[in-house]
């Protein structure tokens, strides 16, 4: 299991580590702030990813579309 904290839209370091470690599960810890849907950013890793929303994810009205989940 790999935990990645507060990427603030910068997913390259986390995804680089994911490719090195190839964990069974990934947990994104708060403040994803993606510029596009996480499903697109994470690609094949989407099915193995869990996330906890942070204040930067929920303070914008578009956050459900960014995470791919409905409120």
C-alpha atoms as a PDB file:
ATOM      1  CA  UNK A   1       0.000   0.000   0.000  1.00  0.00           C
ATOM      2  CA  UNK A   2       1.353   3.409  -0.949  1.00  0.00           C
ATOM      3  CA  UNK A   3       0.195   6.657   0.648  1.00  0.00           C
ATOM      4  CA  UNK A   4       0.662   9.929  -1.272  1.00  0.00           C
ATOM      5  CA  UNK A   5      -0.120  13.149   0.548  1.00  0.00           C
ATOM      6  CA  UNK A   6      -1.364  16.512  -0.683  1.00  0.00           C
ATOM      7  CA  UNK A   7      -0.365  16.399  -4.346  1.00  0.00           C
ATOM      8  CA  UNK A   8      -2.042  19.766  -5.081  1.00  0.00           C
ATOM      9  CA  UNK A   9      -2.367  18.795  -8.744  1.00  0.00           C
ATOM     10  CA  UNK A  10       1.235  17.554  -8.994  1.00  0.00           C
ATOM     11  CA  UNK A  11       0.752  13.822  -9.504  1.00  0.00           C
ATOM     12  CA  UNK A  12       4.017  13.048 -11.331  1.00  0.00           C
ATOM     13  CA  UNK A  13       6.064  12.306  -8.161  1.00  0.00           C
ATOM     14  CA  UNK A  14       3.365  10.004  -6.789  1.00  0.00           C
ATOM     15  CA  UNK A  15       2.865   8.223 -10.107  1.00  0.00           C
ATOM     16  CA  UNK A  16       6.609   7.798 -10.498  1.00  0.00           C
ATOM     17  CA  UNK A  17       6.755   6.100  -7.106  1.00  0.00           C
ATOM     18  CA  UNK A  18       3.694   4.012  -7.970  1.00  0.00           C
ATOM     19  CA  UNK A  19       5.478   2.699 -11.069  1.00  0.00           C
ATOM     20  CA  UNK A  20       8.566   1.828  -8.996  1.00  0.00           C
ATOM     21  CA  UNK A  21       6.749   0.119  -6.122  1.00  0.00           C
ATOM     22  CA  UNK A  22       3.663  -1.168  -7.994  1.00  0.00           C
ATOM     23  CA  UNK A  23       1.526  -1.272  -4.838  1.00  0.00           C
ATOM     24  CA  UNK A  24      -1.644  -3.238  -4.484  1.00  0.00           C
ATOM     25  CA  UNK A  25      -3.440  -0.107  -3.259  1.00  0.00           C
ATOM     26  CA  UNK A  26      -2.817   3.641  -3.430  1.00  0.00           C
ATOM     27  CA  UNK A  27      -4.263   6.144  -0.987  1.00  0.00           C
ATOM     28  CA  UNK A  28      -4.260   9.828  -1.922  1.00  0.00           C
ATOM     29  CA  UNK A  29      -4.382  11.872   1.254  1.00  0.00           C
ATOM     30  CA  UNK A  30      -6.158  15.187   0.830  1.00  0.00           C
ATOM     31  CA  UNK A  31      -5.809  18.176  -1.447  1.00  0.00           C
ATOM     32  CA  UNK A  32      -5.686  16.357  -4.750  1.00  0.00           C
ATOM     33  CA  UNK A  33      -6.778  19.564  -6.598  1.00  0.00           C
ATOM     34  CA  UNK A  34      -6.655  17.824  -9.989  1.00  0.00           C
ATOM     35  CA  UNK A  35      -6.911  19.819 -13.202  1.00  0.00           C
ATOM     36  CA  UNK A  36      -8.824  16.967 -14.831  1.00  0.00           C
ATOM     37  CA  UNK A  37     -10.649  13.851 -13.564  1.00  0.00           C
ATOM     38  CA  UNK A  38      -8.533  11.630 -11.334  1.00  0.00           C
ATOM     39  CA  UNK A  39      -9.584   8.639 -13.410  1.00  0.00           C
ATOM     40  CA  UNK A  40      -7.796  10.220 -16.373  1.00  0.00           C
ATOM     41  CA  UNK A  41      -4.718  11.234 -14.367  1.00  0.00           C
ATOM     42  CA  UNK A  42      -4.327   7.842 -12.696  1.00  0.00           C
ATOM     43  CA  UNK A  43      -5.066   5.738 -15.763  1.00  0.00           C
ATOM     44  CA  UNK A  44      -4.811   2.021 -15.029  1.00  0.00           C
ATOM     45  CA  UNK A  45      -4.085   2.745 -11.360  1.00  0.00           C
ATOM     46  CA  UNK A  46      -7.574   4.225 -10.856  1.00  0.00           C
ATOM     47  CA  UNK A  47      -9.062   0.851  -9.869  1.00  0.00           C
ATOM     48  CA  UNK A  48      -6.525   0.485  -7.042  1.00  0.00           C
ATOM     49  CA  UNK A  49      -6.832   4.017  -5.691  1.00  0.00           C
ATOM     50  CA  UNK A  50      -8.661   5.329  -2.654  1.00  0.00           C
ATOM     51  CA  UNK A  51      -8.662   8.944  -1.653  1.00  0.00           C
ATOM     52  CA  UNK A  52      -9.523  11.274   1.179  1.00  0.00           C
ATOM     53  CA  UNK A  53     -10.695  14.690   0.063  1.00  0.00           C
ATOM     54  CA  UNK A  54      -9.009  17.759   1.496  1.00  0.00           C
ATOM     55  CA  UNK A  55     -10.249  21.313   1.857  1.00  0.00           C
ATOM     56  CA  UNK A  56      -8.880  22.268  -1.578  1.00  0.00           C
ATOM     57  CA  UNK A  57     -10.939  19.484  -3.127  1.00  0.00           C
ATOM     58  CA  UNK A  58     -14.235  20.423  -1.529  1.00  0.00           C
ATOM     59  CA  UNK A  59     -14.073  24.219  -1.613  1.00  0.00           C
ATOM     60  CA  UNK A  60     -14.695  24.334  -5.372  1.00  0.00           C
ATOM     61  CA  UNK A  61     -18.079  23.460  -6.895  1.00  0.00           C
ATOM     62  CA  UNK A  62     -16.469  21.287  -9.589  1.00  0.00           C
ATOM     63  CA  UNK A  63     -14.874  18.802  -7.173  1.00  0.00           C
ATOM     64  CA  UNK A  64     -17.314  15.923  -7.786  1.00  0.00           C
ATOM     65  CA  UNK A  65     -16.392  15.887 -11.469  1.00  0.00           C
ATOM     66  CA  UNK A  66     -12.676  15.993 -10.620  1.00  0.00           C
ATOM     67  CA  UNK A  67     -12.916  12.943  -8.374  1.00  0.00           C
ATOM     68  CA  UNK A  68     -15.448  11.126 -10.542  1.00  0.00           C
ATOM     69  CA  UNK A  69     -17.733  10.685  -7.547  1.00  0.00           C
ATOM     70  CA  UNK A  70     -21.058  12.256  -6.693  1.00  0.00           C
ATOM     71  CA  UNK A  71     -21.735  13.946  -3.367  1.00  0.00           C
END
